[in-house]
Structures are given as C-alpha cells and as structure tokens.
N, C-alpha and C. Protein backbone atom coordinates (compact mmCIF):
# COMPACT_ATOMS: atom_id res chain seq x y z
N MET A 1 0.82 -0.94 -0.27
CA MET A 1 0.03 0.10 0.24
C MET A 1 0.84 1.30 -0.02
N ARG A 2 2.02 1.13 1.03
CA ARG A 2 2.68 2.30 1.23
C ARG A 2 3.82 3.12 -0.66
N ASP A 3 3.45 1.61 -1.46
CA ASP A 3 4.42 2.23 -2.79
C ASP A 3 3.02 2.82 -3.57
N THR A 4 1.77 2.84 -3.35
CA THR A 4 0.47 3.33 -4.61
C THR A 4 0.95 4.82 -4.04
N ALA A 5 1.15 5.24 -5.16
CA ALA A 5 1.59 7.00 -5.11
C ALA A 5 -0.06 7.87 -4.58
N ASP A 6 -1.23 7.11 -4.74
CA ASP A 6 -2.35 7.81 -4.92
C ASP A 6 -2.79 8.09 -3.64
N ILE A 7 -2.22 7.64 -2.20
CA ILE A 7 -2.16 7.84 -0.99
C ILE A 7 -1.18 8.69 -0.44
N GLN A 8 -1.35 9.43 0.22
CA GLN A 8 -0.22 10.31 1.01
C GLN A 8 -0.12 10.10 2.58
N TYR A 9 1.20 9.82 3.56
CA TYR A 9 1.88 9.24 4.39
C TYR A 9 2.12 10.73 5.27
N ALA A 10 2.92 11.34 4.49
CA ALA A 10 3.80 12.71 5.16
C ALA A 10 2.91 13.85 5.72
N PRO A 11 3.00 14.54 6.62
CA PRO A 11 2.00 15.76 7.07
C PRO A 11 1.98 17.10 6.02
N LEU A 12 1.27 17.13 5.91
CA LEU A 12 0.88 18.67 5.10
C LEU A 12 1.74 19.60 5.70
N PRO A 13 2.61 20.66 4.98
CA PRO A 13 2.82 22.20 5.88
C PRO A 13 2.23 22.81 6.30
N GLU A 14 2.59 23.27 7.01
CA GLU A 14 1.37 24.28 7.52
C GLU A 14 0.90 25.09 6.21
N PRO A 15 -0.55 25.87 6.73
CA PRO A 15 -0.35 26.87 5.14
C PRO A 15 -0.16 28.62 5.81
N ARG A 16 0.74 28.99 4.78
CA ARG A 16 1.36 30.19 5.05
C ARG A 16 -0.30 31.22 4.51
N MET A 17 0.14 32.19 5.91
CA MET A 17 -1.16 33.24 6.20
C MET A 17 -1.06 34.24 4.37
N PRO A 18 -1.91 34.67 4.05
CA PRO A 18 -2.11 35.67 3.05
C PRO A 18 -1.12 37.00 3.63
N ASP A 19 -0.46 37.46 2.96
CA ASP A 19 0.45 38.66 3.00
C ASP A 19 -0.47 39.73 3.48
N THR A 20 -2.13 39.71 2.47
CA THR A 20 -2.66 40.64 2.69
C THR A 20 -3.15 40.95 4.43
N GLN A 21 -3.16 39.78 5.17
CA GLN A 21 -3.28 40.23 6.78
C GLN A 21 -1.83 40.73 7.48
N THR A 22 -1.33 40.26 7.02
CA THR A 22 -0.25 41.35 7.80
C THR A 22 -0.19 42.33 8.41
N SER A 23 0.00 42.83 9.21
CA SER A 23 0.34 44.34 9.85
C SER A 23 0.96 45.59 9.11
N PRO A 24 0.94 46.55 8.56
CA PRO A 24 1.85 47.45 7.85
C PRO A 24 2.72 47.21 8.79
N GLU A 25 4.24 48.04 8.57
CA GLU A 25 4.54 47.91 8.99
C GLU A 25 5.25 49.56 10.45
N TRP A 26 4.73 50.57 9.69
CA TRP A 26 4.18 51.44 10.56
C TRP A 26 3.56 51.32 12.08
N LEU A 27 2.20 50.05 11.84
CA LEU A 27 1.51 49.95 12.66
C LEU A 27 2.32 49.13 13.45
N LYS A 28 3.27 48.26 13.10
CA LYS A 28 4.12 47.49 13.73
C LYS A 28 5.19 48.29 14.72
N ALA A 29 5.59 49.09 14.26
CA ALA A 29 6.77 50.44 14.71
C ALA A 29 5.78 51.16 15.95
N LEU A 30 4.50 51.38 15.65
CA LEU A 30 3.59 52.26 16.44
C LEU A 30 3.81 51.06 17.89
N GLY A 31 3.39 49.68 17.71
CA GLY A 31 2.89 49.07 18.82
C GLY A 31 4.32 48.94 19.37
N ARG A 32 5.43 48.31 19.00
CA ARG A 32 6.57 48.52 19.75
C ARG A 32 6.83 49.75 20.29
N PHE A 33 7.10 50.79 20.01
CA PHE A 33 7.09 52.12 20.60
C PHE A 33 5.62 52.17 22.36
N LEU A 34 4.59 52.02 21.56
CA LEU A 34 3.35 51.95 23.17
C LEU A 34 3.76 50.53 23.96
N GLU A 35 4.60 49.61 23.26
CA GLU A 35 4.76 48.32 24.61
C GLU A 35 5.80 49.34 25.57
N LYS A 36 6.59 50.39 24.63
CA LYS A 36 8.21 50.38 25.39
C LYS A 36 7.77 51.75 26.80
N ILE A 37 6.47 51.91 26.19
CA ILE A 37 6.19 53.42 27.39
C ILE A 37 5.64 52.70 27.84
N PHE A 38 3.95 51.96 27.59
CA PHE A 38 3.27 51.02 28.68
C PHE A 38 3.49 50.07 29.36
N SER A 39 4.34 49.22 28.71
CA SER A 39 4.52 47.76 29.58
C SER A 39 5.15 48.07 30.75
N PRO A 40 5.87 48.86 31.34
CA PRO A 40 6.37 49.07 32.67
C PRO A 40 5.08 49.66 33.72
N ILE A 41 4.15 49.87 33.27
CA ILE A 41 2.79 50.56 33.80
C ILE A 41 2.42 49.02 34.23
N GLY A 42 1.99 48.49 33.15
CA GLY A 42 1.60 47.09 32.84
C GLY A 42 1.90 46.48 34.05
N GLU A 43 2.69 46.37 34.14
CA GLU A 43 4.18 45.55 34.93
C GLU A 43 3.82 45.79 36.50
N LEU A 44 3.65 47.01 36.80
CA LEU A 44 3.28 47.61 38.06
C LEU A 44 2.50 47.17 38.71
N LEU A 45 0.96 47.18 37.30
CA LEU A 45 -0.30 47.12 37.86
C LEU A 45 -0.29 45.06 38.13
N GLY A 46 0.74 44.58 37.94
CA GLY A 46 0.82 43.09 37.53
C GLY A 46 -0.25 42.45 36.33
N MET A 47 -0.09 43.10 35.19
CA MET A 47 -0.47 42.64 33.79
C MET A 47 0.56 42.79 32.76
N SER A 48 0.60 41.58 32.19
CA SER A 48 1.51 41.46 30.95
C SER A 48 0.84 42.58 29.68
N TRP A 49 2.24 42.94 28.86
CA TRP A 49 1.75 43.53 28.06
C TRP A 49 0.70 43.29 26.77
N PRO A 50 0.48 42.16 26.76
CA PRO A 50 -0.80 41.89 26.31
C PRO A 50 -1.98 41.97 26.72
N VAL A 51 -2.55 41.76 27.64
CA VAL A 51 -3.73 42.05 28.53
C VAL A 51 -3.57 43.78 28.55
N PHE A 52 -2.66 44.16 28.92
CA PHE A 52 -2.65 46.05 29.72
C PHE A 52 -2.80 46.56 27.86
N GLN A 53 -2.61 46.18 26.68
CA GLN A 53 -2.99 46.78 25.75
C GLN A 53 -4.54 46.54 25.50
N TYR A 54 -4.80 45.83 25.82
CA TYR A 54 -6.44 45.57 25.39
C TYR A 54 -7.30 46.73 26.99
N VAL A 55 -6.33 46.55 28.11
CA VAL A 55 -7.04 47.79 29.00
C VAL A 55 -6.93 49.31 28.35
N LEU A 56 -6.11 49.52 27.65
CA LEU A 56 -5.61 50.88 27.35
C LEU A 56 -6.79 51.04 25.83
N ILE A 57 -6.77 49.84 24.91
CA ILE A 57 -7.51 49.89 24.00
C ILE A 57 -9.11 50.34 24.40
N ALA A 58 -9.42 49.40 25.90
CA ALA A 58 -10.65 49.97 26.00
C ALA A 58 -11.45 51.80 27.12
N LEU A 59 -10.02 52.04 27.55
CA LEU A 59 -9.99 53.47 28.21
C LEU A 59 -9.80 54.47 26.69
N GLY A 60 -9.29 53.99 25.66
CA GLY A 60 -9.12 55.05 24.75
C GLY A 60 -10.39 55.11 23.79
N VAL A 61 -11.35 53.79 23.91
CA VAL A 61 -12.72 53.76 23.31
C VAL A 61 -13.54 54.58 24.55
N LEU A 62 -13.77 54.55 25.77
CA LEU A 62 -14.15 55.20 26.30
C LEU A 62 -14.22 56.98 26.34
N LEU A 63 -12.54 56.78 26.05
CA LEU A 63 -12.15 58.74 25.76
C LEU A 63 -12.72 59.04 24.91
N ALA A 64 -12.86 58.35 23.94
CA ALA A 64 -13.69 58.87 22.67
C ALA A 64 -15.15 58.74 22.51
N LEU A 65 -15.99 58.30 23.30
CA LEU A 65 -17.25 58.13 23.70
C LEU A 65 -17.55 59.57 24.20
N PHE A 66 -16.49 59.69 25.61
CA PHE A 66 -17.06 60.68 26.33
C PHE A 66 -16.54 62.05 25.05
N LEU A 67 -15.77 62.07 24.66
CA LEU A 67 -15.56 63.55 23.68
C LEU A 67 -16.32 63.71 22.71
N LEU A 68 -17.22 62.47 22.07
CA LEU A 68 -17.89 62.62 20.99
C LEU A 68 -19.49 63.13 22.03
N TRP A 69 -19.45 62.37 23.15
CA TRP A 69 -21.03 62.95 23.61
C TRP A 69 -20.54 64.45 24.56
N ARG A 70 -19.35 65.37 24.66
CA ARG A 70 -19.44 66.53 25.05
C ARG A 70 -19.26 67.63 23.74
N ILE A 71 -18.39 66.81 22.19
CA ILE A 71 -18.59 67.48 21.25
C ILE A 71 -19.49 67.37 20.25
N ALA A 72 -20.42 66.69 20.31
CA ALA A 72 -21.46 66.03 19.17
C ALA A 72 -22.70 66.05 19.93
N ILE A 73 -22.96 65.57 20.97
CA ILE A 73 -24.70 65.07 21.48
C ILE A 73 -25.04 65.75 22.02
N GLU A 74 -23.64 66.56 22.91
CA GLU A 74 -24.41 67.00 24.66
C GLU A 74 -25.19 68.43 24.39
N PRO A 75 -24.53 69.05 23.18
CA PRO A 75 -24.93 70.56 22.45
C PRO A 75 -25.71 70.15 21.45
N LEU A 76 -26.05 69.50 20.81
CA LEU A 76 -27.44 69.17 20.17
C LEU A 76 -28.85 68.86 21.51
N LEU A 77 -28.25 68.34 22.18
CA LEU A 77 -29.66 67.86 23.33
C LEU A 77 -29.60 69.36 23.79
N ASP A 78 -29.16 70.60 24.51
CA ASP A 78 -28.95 71.53 24.44
C ASP A 78 -29.55 72.51 23.90
N LYS A 79 -29.84 72.71 22.20
CA LYS A 79 -30.17 73.05 21.57
C LYS A 79 -31.63 72.52 21.64
N TRP A 80 -32.01 71.00 21.64
CA TRP A 80 -33.47 70.58 21.84
C TRP A 80 -34.37 70.89 22.62
N ARG A 81 -33.49 71.02 24.23
CA ARG A 81 -33.92 71.85 25.51
C ARG A 81 -34.23 72.83 25.39
N MET A 82 -33.37 74.36 24.30
CA MET A 82 -33.81 75.40 24.32
C MET A 82 -34.71 75.88 23.61
N ARG A 83 -35.22 74.94 22.89
CA ARG A 83 -36.77 74.95 21.81
C ARG A 83 -37.66 74.67 22.43
N GLN A 84 -37.27 73.83 23.68
CA GLN A 84 -38.68 73.04 24.45
C GLN A 84 -39.52 74.52 24.99
N PRO A 85 -40.82 74.65 24.88
CA PRO A 85 -41.26 75.71 25.78
C PRO A 85 -41.30 75.50 26.86
N ALA A 86 -40.78 77.02 27.37
CA ALA A 86 -40.64 76.60 29.18
C ALA A 86 -41.82 76.95 29.71
N PRO A 87 -42.34 75.99 30.94
CA PRO A 87 -43.29 75.73 31.40
C PRO A 87 -43.79 76.93 32.06
N GLU A 88 -45.12 77.41 31.87
CA GLU A 88 -45.94 78.57 32.20
C GLU A 88 -46.03 78.87 33.83
N GLU A 89 -45.61 80.04 34.18
CA GLU A 89 -45.06 80.33 35.59
C GLU A 89 -46.70 80.88 35.99
N VAL A 90 -46.90 80.00 37.16
CA VAL A 90 -48.70 80.40 37.69
C VAL A 90 -48.32 81.38 38.79
N HIS A 91 -48.74 82.62 38.60
CA HIS A 91 -48.64 83.79 39.91
C HIS A 91 -50.63 83.71 40.13
N TRP A 92 -50.59 83.51 41.79
CA TRP A 92 -51.78 83.87 42.15
C TRP A 92 -51.87 85.22 42.91
N THR A 93 -53.03 85.68 42.70
CA THR A 93 -53.51 87.23 43.47
C THR A 93 -55.09 86.91 44.05
N PRO A 94 -55.31 87.21 45.45
CA PRO A 94 -56.49 87.59 45.61
C PRO A 94 -57.80 87.43 44.83
N ASP A 95 -58.78 86.97 45.54
CA ASP A 95 -59.80 87.45 44.34
C ASP A 95 -60.59 89.25 45.06
N ARG A 96 -60.80 90.04 43.73
CA ARG A 96 -60.91 91.17 44.05
C ARG A 96 -61.88 91.56 45.26
N ALA A 97 -62.81 90.75 44.93
CA ALA A 97 -64.24 91.26 45.80
C ALA A 97 -63.93 90.79 47.02
N GLU A 98 -62.88 89.75 47.37
CA GLU A 98 -62.42 89.19 48.90
C GLU A 98 -61.56 89.98 49.28
N ALA A 99 -61.03 90.65 48.71
CA ALA A 99 -60.01 91.56 49.10
C ALA A 99 -60.12 92.76 49.50
N VAL A 100 -61.37 93.16 48.75
CA VAL A 100 -62.08 94.69 49.22
C VAL A 100 -62.90 94.41 50.48
N ALA A 101 -63.34 93.07 50.86
CA ALA A 101 -64.20 92.79 51.83
C ALA A 101 -62.92 93.13 53.12
N LEU A 102 -62.05 92.31 52.92
CA LEU A 102 -61.27 92.34 53.98
C LEU A 102 -60.74 93.46 54.80
N LEU A 103 -60.16 94.12 53.24
CA LEU A 103 -59.89 95.75 53.44
C LEU A 103 -61.09 96.69 54.44
N GLU A 104 -61.80 96.46 53.88
CA GLU A 104 -62.93 96.79 54.69
C GLU A 104 -63.10 96.47 56.34
N ASP A 105 -62.63 95.13 56.71
CA ASP A 105 -63.25 95.00 57.82
C ASP A 105 -62.01 95.32 58.45
N ALA A 106 -60.83 95.11 57.75
CA ALA A 106 -59.60 96.11 59.01
C ALA A 106 -59.58 97.29 58.88
N ASP A 107 -60.04 98.02 58.27
CA ASP A 107 -60.08 99.73 58.16
C ASP A 107 -61.09 99.71 59.28
N ARG A 108 -62.19 99.10 59.63
CA ARG A 108 -63.11 99.32 60.88
C ARG A 108 -62.44 99.13 62.42
N LEU A 109 -61.38 98.01 61.92
CA LEU A 109 -60.58 97.87 63.11
C LEU A 109 -59.77 99.33 63.52
N ALA A 110 -59.33 99.64 62.05
CA ALA A 110 -58.00 100.98 62.50
C ALA A 110 -58.61 101.68 62.69
N ALA A 111 -59.82 102.03 62.15
CA ALA A 111 -60.53 103.35 63.08
C ALA A 111 -60.82 103.67 64.02
N GLN A 112 -60.67 102.07 64.69
CA GLN A 112 -61.08 102.30 66.52
C GLN A 112 -59.48 102.77 66.97
N GLY A 113 -58.55 102.51 65.95
CA GLY A 113 -56.93 102.70 66.36
C GLY A 113 -56.23 101.04 66.78
N LYS A 114 -57.15 100.34 66.77
CA LYS A 114 -56.53 98.92 66.58
C LYS A 114 -55.61 98.70 65.55
N PHE A 115 -54.34 99.18 65.18
CA PHE A 115 -54.02 99.42 63.82
C PHE A 115 -53.15 97.71 64.50
N GLY A 116 -52.84 97.24 65.25
CA GLY A 116 -52.32 96.00 65.81
C GLY A 116 -53.25 94.64 64.85
N GLU A 117 -54.21 94.94 65.34
CA GLU A 117 -55.40 93.93 65.23
C GLU A 117 -56.07 94.11 63.18
N ALA A 118 -55.67 95.22 62.86
CA ALA A 118 -56.06 95.61 61.81
C ALA A 118 -55.12 94.47 60.58
N ALA A 119 -53.95 95.11 60.94
CA ALA A 119 -52.54 94.27 60.29
C ALA A 119 -52.49 92.53 60.59
N HIS A 120 -52.84 92.20 62.00
CA HIS A 120 -53.34 90.76 61.73
C HIS A 120 -54.22 90.03 61.31
N LEU A 121 -55.12 90.42 61.04
CA LEU A 121 -56.72 90.56 60.59
C LEU A 121 -56.12 90.17 58.74
N LEU A 122 -55.20 91.31 58.55
CA LEU A 122 -55.24 91.33 57.09
C LEU A 122 -54.16 89.81 56.57
N LEU A 123 -53.09 89.60 57.66
CA LEU A 123 -52.25 88.97 57.51
C LEU A 123 -53.02 87.25 57.60
N ARG A 124 -53.79 86.93 58.76
CA ARG A 124 -54.86 85.63 58.84
C ARG A 124 -55.43 85.30 57.21
N ARG A 125 -56.23 86.38 57.35
CA ARG A 125 -57.42 86.18 56.05
C ARG A 125 -56.22 85.64 54.93
N SER A 126 -55.73 86.25 54.58
CA SER A 126 -54.29 86.73 53.02
C SER A 126 -54.27 85.60 53.42
N VAL A 127 -53.63 85.04 54.54
CA VAL A 127 -52.73 83.47 54.20
C VAL A 127 -54.07 82.35 53.78
N ARG A 128 -55.11 82.37 54.74
CA ARG A 128 -56.56 81.73 54.40
C ARG A 128 -56.94 81.68 52.97
N GLN A 129 -57.01 82.95 52.27
CA GLN A 129 -57.13 82.99 50.93
C GLN A 129 -56.37 82.38 50.12
N ILE A 130 -54.84 82.49 50.29
CA ILE A 130 -53.77 81.55 49.58
C ILE A 130 -54.17 79.76 49.76
N SER A 131 -54.34 79.44 51.11
CA SER A 131 -54.88 78.53 51.75
C SER A 131 -56.15 77.38 50.60
N ASP A 132 -56.68 78.50 50.87
CA ASP A 132 -58.15 78.11 49.96
C ASP A 132 -57.86 77.67 48.61
N ALA A 133 -57.31 79.04 48.16
CA ALA A 133 -57.29 78.91 46.85
C ALA A 133 -56.19 77.52 46.30
N ARG A 134 -55.19 77.45 46.70
CA ARG A 134 -53.60 76.66 46.47
C ARG A 134 -53.45 76.05 47.72
N PRO A 135 -54.04 74.61 48.24
CA PRO A 135 -53.81 74.21 48.98
C PRO A 135 -52.72 73.10 49.32
N ASP A 136 -51.91 73.32 47.92
CA ASP A 136 -50.84 72.39 47.94
C ASP A 136 -49.81 73.31 48.48
N TRP A 137 -49.60 74.91 47.85
CA TRP A 137 -48.62 75.61 48.32
C TRP A 137 -48.03 75.71 49.76
N LEU A 138 -49.21 75.25 50.84
CA LEU A 138 -48.75 75.56 52.04
C LEU A 138 -49.08 74.55 52.86
N ASN A 139 -48.49 74.49 54.42
CA ASN A 139 -48.95 73.54 54.90
C ASN A 139 -49.23 73.92 56.48
N ALA A 140 -49.88 73.36 57.14
CA ALA A 140 -49.97 73.92 58.46
C ALA A 140 -49.22 74.39 59.44
N ALA A 141 -47.86 74.33 59.06
CA ALA A 141 -46.72 75.31 59.87
C ALA A 141 -46.16 76.58 59.07
N SER A 142 -46.85 76.33 57.81
CA SER A 142 -46.03 77.74 56.99
C SER A 142 -46.13 79.02 58.15
N THR A 143 -45.46 79.42 57.66
CA THR A 143 -45.13 80.97 58.14
C THR A 143 -44.80 81.84 57.48
N ALA A 144 -45.71 83.29 57.53
CA ALA A 144 -45.22 84.49 56.79
C ALA A 144 -44.49 84.43 56.17
N ARG A 145 -43.51 84.32 56.73
CA ARG A 145 -41.94 84.50 56.33
C ARG A 145 -41.62 83.48 55.14
N GLU A 146 -42.50 82.35 55.41
CA GLU A 146 -41.88 81.57 54.26
C GLU A 146 -42.81 81.96 53.14
N ILE A 147 -44.09 82.35 53.56
CA ILE A 147 -44.93 82.44 52.55
C ILE A 147 -44.30 83.86 51.90
N ALA A 148 -43.64 84.59 52.30
CA ALA A 148 -43.22 85.86 52.01
C ALA A 148 -42.01 85.66 50.60
N VAL A 149 -41.76 84.25 50.62
CA VAL A 149 -40.94 84.09 49.76
C VAL A 149 -40.98 82.67 48.52
N LEU A 150 -42.40 82.96 48.69
CA LEU A 150 -43.48 81.94 47.37
C LEU A 150 -43.32 82.42 46.20
N PRO A 151 -42.10 81.64 45.47
CA PRO A 151 -41.83 82.12 43.88
C PRO A 151 -43.55 82.06 43.03
N MET A 152 -44.42 81.48 44.17
CA MET A 152 -45.71 81.43 42.87
C MET A 152 -46.58 82.83 42.81
N LEU A 153 -46.20 83.34 44.17
CA LEU A 153 -46.29 84.65 44.32
C LEU A 153 -45.72 85.93 43.23
N PRO A 154 -46.39 87.09 42.98
CA PRO A 154 -46.25 88.01 42.18
C PRO A 154 -45.28 88.37 43.39
N ASP A 155 -44.26 89.32 42.66
CA ASP A 155 -43.37 90.57 43.61
C ASP A 155 -43.93 91.19 44.79
N ALA A 156 -45.55 91.75 44.04
CA ALA A 156 -46.11 92.56 44.99
C ALA A 156 -46.78 92.01 46.40
N GLY A 157 -47.10 90.10 45.91
CA GLY A 157 -47.64 89.68 47.02
C GLY A 157 -46.47 89.70 47.85
N ARG A 158 -45.00 88.96 47.13
CA ARG A 158 -43.85 88.51 48.45
C ARG A 158 -43.85 89.82 49.68
N SER A 159 -43.89 91.19 48.64
CA SER A 159 -43.56 92.35 49.56
C SER A 159 -44.51 92.37 50.54
N ALA A 160 -45.74 92.56 49.97
CA ALA A 160 -46.99 92.68 51.08
C ALA A 160 -47.23 91.38 52.31
N PHE A 161 -46.53 90.16 51.93
CA PHE A 161 -46.25 89.41 53.25
C PHE A 161 -44.90 90.05 54.06
N ALA A 162 -44.19 90.46 53.39
CA ALA A 162 -42.92 90.83 54.23
C ALA A 162 -43.38 92.02 55.00
N VAL A 163 -43.78 92.69 54.57
CA VAL A 163 -44.13 94.21 55.11
C VAL A 163 -45.35 94.09 56.34
N ILE A 164 -46.13 93.57 55.92
CA ILE A 164 -47.12 92.68 57.05
C ILE A 164 -46.69 92.20 58.09
N ALA A 165 -46.13 90.93 57.63
CA ALA A 165 -45.26 89.85 58.82
C ALA A 165 -44.83 90.69 59.58
N GLU A 166 -43.65 91.86 59.17
CA GLU A 166 -42.47 92.37 59.88
C GLU A 166 -43.64 93.17 61.09
N ARG A 167 -44.69 93.69 60.60
CA ARG A 167 -45.23 94.48 61.62
C ARG A 167 -46.31 93.85 62.68
N VAL A 168 -46.44 93.09 62.01
CA VAL A 168 -47.49 92.03 63.19
C VAL A 168 -46.52 91.19 64.38
N GLU A 169 -45.29 90.55 63.40
CA GLU A 169 -44.42 90.37 64.33
C GLU A 169 -43.93 91.07 65.62
N ARG A 170 -43.91 92.49 65.53
CA ARG A 170 -43.36 93.56 66.05
C ARG A 170 -44.63 93.64 67.04
N ALA A 171 -45.77 93.87 66.74
CA ALA A 171 -46.63 93.72 67.75
C ALA A 171 -47.08 93.00 68.68
N VAL A 172 -46.50 91.30 68.00
CA VAL A 172 -47.10 90.52 69.09
C VAL A 172 -45.86 90.11 69.96
N PHE A 173 -44.72 90.14 69.35
CA PHE A 173 -43.19 90.09 70.47
C PHE A 173 -43.13 91.02 71.08
N ALA A 174 -43.18 92.42 70.53
CA ALA A 174 -42.59 93.25 71.31
C ALA A 174 -43.88 94.05 72.49
N LEU A 175 -44.89 92.98 72.18
CA LEU A 175 -46.40 93.18 72.98
C LEU A 175 -46.38 95.24 73.15
N ARG A 176 -46.32 95.70 71.50
CA ARG A 176 -46.54 97.48 71.50
C ARG A 176 -47.26 97.46 70.22
N ASP A 177 -48.46 97.82 70.48
CA ASP A 177 -49.44 98.50 69.45
C ASP A 177 -48.69 98.74 68.23
N LEU A 178 -49.31 98.84 66.89
CA LEU A 178 -48.41 99.59 65.72
C LEU A 178 -49.19 100.77 65.92
N ASP A 179 -48.82 101.79 65.17
CA ASP A 179 -49.43 103.18 64.65
C ASP A 179 -50.15 103.14 63.47
N ALA A 180 -50.68 104.58 63.28
CA ALA A 180 -51.08 104.61 62.02
C ALA A 180 -50.14 104.55 60.61
N GLY A 181 -49.04 104.72 60.70
CA GLY A 181 -48.13 104.43 59.49
C GLY A 181 -48.00 103.15 59.68
N ASP A 182 -47.66 102.33 60.55
CA ASP A 182 -47.34 100.80 60.28
C ASP A 182 -48.60 100.15 59.60
N TRP A 183 -49.92 100.78 60.09
CA TRP A 183 -51.18 100.27 59.37
C TRP A 183 -51.11 100.63 58.02
N ASN A 184 -50.89 101.90 57.52
CA ASN A 184 -51.37 102.61 56.10
C ASN A 184 -49.87 101.70 55.24
N ALA A 185 -48.88 101.31 56.16
CA ALA A 185 -47.81 100.67 55.19
C ALA A 185 -48.46 98.94 54.85
N ALA A 186 -49.02 98.56 55.61
CA ALA A 186 -49.58 97.18 55.75
C ALA A 186 -50.49 97.35 54.25
N ARG A 187 -51.48 97.75 54.51
CA ARG A 187 -53.05 98.17 54.33
C ARG A 187 -52.02 98.53 52.67
N SER A 188 -51.02 99.59 52.32
CA SER A 188 -51.11 99.80 51.09
C SER A 188 -50.34 98.35 50.24
N ALA A 189 -49.24 97.82 50.97
CA ALA A 189 -48.51 96.69 50.42
C ALA A 189 -50.01 95.79 50.22
N TYR A 190 -51.00 95.11 50.79
CA TYR A 190 -51.94 94.11 50.42
C TYR A 190 -52.15 94.65 49.45
N ALA A 191 -53.00 96.40 49.54
CA ALA A 191 -53.82 96.60 48.10
C ALA A 191 -53.02 96.81 46.85
N ARG A 192 -51.52 96.42 47.01
CA ARG A 192 -51.08 96.19 45.53
C ARG A 192 -50.94 95.07 45.60
N PHE A 193 -50.54 94.13 46.06
CA PHE A 193 -50.74 92.68 45.87
C PHE A 193 -52.39 92.44 45.26
N ALA A 194 -53.09 92.65 45.46
CA ALA A 194 -54.67 92.06 45.35
C ALA A 194 -55.05 93.28 44.08
N GLN A 195 -53.96 94.34 43.99
CA GLN A 195 -54.56 95.05 42.47
C GLN A 195 -55.77 95.88 42.98
N ILE A 196 -55.60 96.64 44.06
CA ILE A 196 -56.78 97.35 44.47
C ILE A 196 -56.31 98.78 44.36
N GLU A 197 -56.67 99.77 43.92
CA GLU A 197 -56.55 101.32 43.94
C GLU A 197 -57.25 101.65 45.10
N LEU A 198 -56.39 102.38 46.42
CA LEU A 198 -56.81 102.39 47.86
C LEU A 198 -57.49 104.41 47.25
N ARG A 199 -58.68 104.27 48.05
CA ARG A 199 -59.27 105.67 48.10
C ARG A 199 -58.10 106.50 49.40
N ALA A 200 -58.47 107.98 48.36
CA ALA A 200 -57.26 108.47 49.98
C ALA A 200 -58.27 108.75 51.04
C-alpha cells in the first residue's frame, strides 16, 4: 500500500497566511513604541503587555465616546431643550371682591385705633385665601416669612407678606401696638398685591 502514489502519508506543511493580513510596518512600529512606554506601567499593575494593551484600547474607546458626547451629542441636546417651551409660571392674586371685603373689615378695626389687630387680620385672612385657593402651596406650619418667599406669588405679594408679617411680629413679640404709619404701610402693601386702588 505504501508504494501506491495515490495515498499520502507525510503531514501537510502549515498553510501560510496571505500577505494581505500582515500588519503594515508603521503599525508594528507604533505597537513597539507603545509597548516600550506602557509595558512598565502594566507590569506595576501586575499585567503583561498583551493584557494591558487591551485595557488601554478600552480606555481609549471610553475617552472617544466621552469626547463624542461632549462635542457632538450634548450641544444638540442643549439646543433641543432650548427649543422646548418653558413651563408657564403660575402667579396667584387674591379674588378682588374678597380682598375689598378684607380691607373694609381691617379698616373698621384701624378706625377704632386697633392698628395691630387690623394688620393681624390682614395677615390671617390673606393666608387663608392662599390656603383655600392653592392648598398645595402651604402646610399647617407655614409661616408668613415662608409665604413671603413663595415663587408662585408675584413680587407685590411677596413684598406685602414681608411688610405685614414684620409689623405683626413687632406687635406680638414686642407687646407694642402698631401706629397709623405701620397700618398704612401694611394696608398699601396688601392693596398693591390685590391690585386694588385705595381711596385717599
């Protein structure tokens, strides 16, 4: 059988890889250069160069993705956000009829010289007006100073609460009644908030 030429017994030589799959010389030189620079770092970290080169490739990919995000994607998102309509601000002012009735009640107290009580009435009723209209804005522990910084109130509302609260606190804690000037300041602030033109 061994004399039969049709049967091959010798092992075949290993196939040669085509030249098209070999790396270009400049890429090999770059690989050797990077190996010289980074292989000591890999050894310090307990990794051989073949393993550490894949770590470097992964870091490079992450850096490229980060730069792509910052340079291309994030500016596009910012432009898209700027085109979105801004949420409409909701400002609240008291009902005009209620505000006029409140001022009339407080004016009656002030006419009797009870300026502190009049200012306190303005404060209590206006807090109740807000609580009735927008219960989600206040809680049981809300103070006049907290209400004075509510962003949902217009500037005149925040100013009114600050003026009225300061005078009511002075009357309550200093145990000294307010005078006509204090009452007029509180009354004018509330009228501006409620958009009521006061009669002279």
